[in-house]
Amino acid sequence: MKPRHIPRHTADRSTAPRTGAPIRQQSGPIPSPPPVYSGSWRATFHLARLGIEIRRYGWTTQLHVTGPRPILRVISKAAPTIGETVSVIRGNGAWWYQSSTGLWLARCAHTGPAAEMLNIILTPWLTAASHPHKNDQR
């Protein structure tokens, strides 16, 4: 079999085939696909485990399984208006805990680091709420 002749303009990928103009590369970030949310049973299981772990830090939790997807509300006993909502998503080949701000806390297999991250995120808010006049000038 005789090799097929490839015209020069198609063999050279640095120029457009008919015009000879350089091909422009796309700039900017490549958009990632939207997150895949877990099924109800999987999210409930992982969020219940996280709820047990975060209560060790003194937070109150409420697991909500109604609605479009299960969520875990992490709330302060001292200031019930301070808290965070956590859901479960799939990304990078694993299931992750995700905060309401979109921050990936930790893999669902690691509830300890996820609870610690939530505590680190929420503690400054609780401290600021318990000392409302700390930064006031007199």
Protein backbone atom coordinates (compact mmCIF):
# COMPACT_ATOMS: atom_id res chain seq x y z
CA MET A 1 0.00 0.00 0.00
CA LYS A 2 1.34 3.37 -1.01
CA PRO A 3 1.43 6.12 1.70
CA ARG A 4 -1.10 8.84 1.13
CA HIS A 5 0.17 12.32 0.32
CA ILE A 6 -0.74 14.88 2.99
CA PRO A 7 -0.85 18.46 1.71
CA ARG A 8 1.53 20.86 3.42
CA HIS A 9 -1.19 23.14 4.79
CA THR A 10 -2.84 20.30 6.76
CA ALA A 11 0.42 18.79 7.97
CA ASP A 12 1.51 22.13 9.43
CA ARG A 13 -0.87 22.73 12.34
CA SER A 14 0.57 26.16 13.15
CA THR A 15 -1.37 27.82 10.33
CA ALA A 16 -4.97 27.68 9.24
CA PRO A 17 -5.54 25.37 6.25
CA ARG A 18 -6.70 27.84 3.59
CA THR A 19 -5.72 31.29 4.75
CA GLY A 20 -2.22 30.65 6.04
CA ALA A 21 -3.03 32.73 9.15
CA PRO A 22 -1.79 31.45 12.49
CA ILE A 23 -4.27 29.44 14.54
CA ARG A 24 -5.18 31.31 17.72
CA GLN A 25 -4.92 29.42 20.96
CA GLN A 26 -7.77 29.82 23.44
CA SER A 27 -6.75 31.78 26.48
CA GLY A 28 -8.23 31.72 29.96
CA PRO A 29 -9.25 28.91 32.24
CA ILE A 30 -10.97 25.86 30.86
CA PRO A 31 -14.44 25.72 32.40
CA SER A 32 -14.93 22.73 34.66
CA PRO A 33 -18.10 20.69 34.55
CA PRO A 34 -20.70 21.40 37.22
CA PRO A 35 -20.39 19.31 40.38
CA VAL A 36 -22.23 16.01 40.63
CA TYR A 37 -24.27 15.84 43.80
CA SER A 38 -24.54 12.52 45.53
CA GLY A 39 -27.63 10.42 45.87
CA SER A 40 -29.75 10.93 48.94
CA TRP A 41 -28.54 7.83 50.79
CA ARG A 42 -24.84 8.54 50.21
CA ALA A 43 -25.05 12.18 51.28
CA THR A 44 -27.12 11.30 54.35
CA PHE A 45 -24.56 8.70 55.41
CA HIS A 46 -21.55 11.01 54.97
CA LEU A 47 -23.24 14.05 56.50
CA ALA A 48 -24.36 12.05 59.56
CA ARG A 49 -20.74 10.98 60.09
CA LEU A 50 -19.57 14.59 59.78
CA GLY A 51 -22.30 15.69 62.21
CA ILE A 52 -21.00 13.31 64.86
CA GLU A 53 -17.45 14.55 64.36
CA ILE A 54 -18.21 18.29 64.41
CA ARG A 55 -20.27 17.97 67.62
CA ARG A 56 -17.01 17.06 69.36
CA TYR A 57 -15.97 20.69 68.82
CA GLY A 58 -19.13 21.95 70.57
CA TRP A 59 -21.25 22.77 67.52
CA THR A 60 -24.89 21.81 67.05
CA THR A 61 -25.92 20.02 63.86
CA GLN A 62 -29.16 19.57 61.96
CA LEU A 63 -29.40 17.06 59.13
CA HIS A 64 -31.98 18.05 56.50
CA VAL A 65 -32.85 15.29 54.03
CA THR A 66 -35.78 17.03 52.33
CA GLY A 67 -35.33 19.27 49.33
CA PRO A 68 -33.18 18.86 46.24
CA ARG A 69 -30.25 17.35 48.17
CA PRO A 70 -29.41 16.49 51.78
CA ILE A 71 -27.54 19.16 53.76
CA LEU A 72 -26.00 19.44 57.19
CA ARG A 73 -26.45 22.70 59.09
CA VAL A 74 -23.66 23.36 61.58
CA ILE A 75 -24.81 25.96 64.12
CA SER A 76 -23.36 27.58 67.23
CA LYS A 77 -25.23 26.98 70.49
CA ALA A 78 -24.22 30.43 71.77
CA ALA A 79 -25.17 32.31 68.59
CA PRO A 80 -27.70 30.37 66.50
CA THR A 81 -27.38 32.81 63.60
CA ILE A 82 -23.77 31.72 63.04
CA GLY A 83 -23.29 28.53 61.11
CA GLU A 84 -22.48 26.80 57.86
CA THR A 85 -24.31 24.51 55.46
CA VAL A 86 -22.45 21.46 54.16
CA SER A 87 -23.35 19.21 51.23
CA VAL A 88 -21.68 16.26 49.49
CA ILE A 89 -20.38 16.48 45.91
CA ARG A 90 -18.32 14.31 43.57
CA GLY A 91 -15.08 15.68 42.19
CA ASN A 92 -11.57 14.49 41.30
CA GLY A 93 -12.68 10.87 41.50
CA ALA A 94 -13.97 11.05 45.10
CA TRP A 95 -16.84 12.31 47.25
CA TRP A 96 -16.17 15.58 49.07
CA TYR A 97 -17.75 17.75 51.75
CA GLN A 98 -18.53 21.18 50.31
CA SER A 99 -19.39 24.32 52.26
CA SER A 100 -22.13 26.72 51.21
CA THR A 101 -19.43 29.04 49.84
CA GLY A 102 -18.21 26.32 47.46
CA LEU A 103 -15.09 25.46 49.48
CA TRP A 104 -14.16 21.79 49.34
CA LEU A 105 -13.52 20.92 52.98
CA ALA A 106 -12.15 17.37 52.75
CA ARG A 107 -12.90 14.01 51.20
CA CYS A 108 -15.84 12.21 52.74
CA ALA A 109 -13.50 9.42 53.77
CA HIS A 110 -11.79 11.92 56.11
CA THR A 111 -14.40 13.33 58.48
CA GLY A 112 -11.82 14.51 61.03
CA PRO A 113 -10.12 17.05 58.72
CA ALA A 114 -13.51 18.24 57.43
CA ALA A 115 -14.75 18.87 60.99
CA GLU A 116 -11.51 20.63 61.87
CA MET A 117 -11.78 22.85 58.77
CA LEU A 118 -15.37 23.78 59.66
CA ASN A 119 -14.29 24.64 63.20
CA ILE A 120 -11.46 26.82 61.84
CA ILE A 121 -13.86 28.61 59.48
CA LEU A 122 -16.60 29.23 62.05
CA THR A 123 -14.63 30.05 65.22
CA PRO A 124 -13.62 33.62 64.21
CA TRP A 125 -17.26 34.42 63.45
CA LEU A 126 -18.32 33.13 66.85
CA THR A 127 -15.54 35.07 68.59
CA ALA A 128 -16.52 38.29 66.83
CA ALA A 129 -20.19 37.78 67.73
CA SER A 130 -19.44 37.16 71.40
CA HIS A 131 -17.37 40.39 71.66
CA PRO A 132 -19.48 42.95 69.75
CA HIS A 133 -17.73 46.02 71.19
CA LYS A 134 -14.18 44.73 70.91
CA ASN A 135 -13.27 46.97 67.96
CA ASP A 136 -15.39 49.99 68.91
CA GLN A 137 -13.53 53.20 69.60
CA ARG A 138 -14.58 55.12 72.70
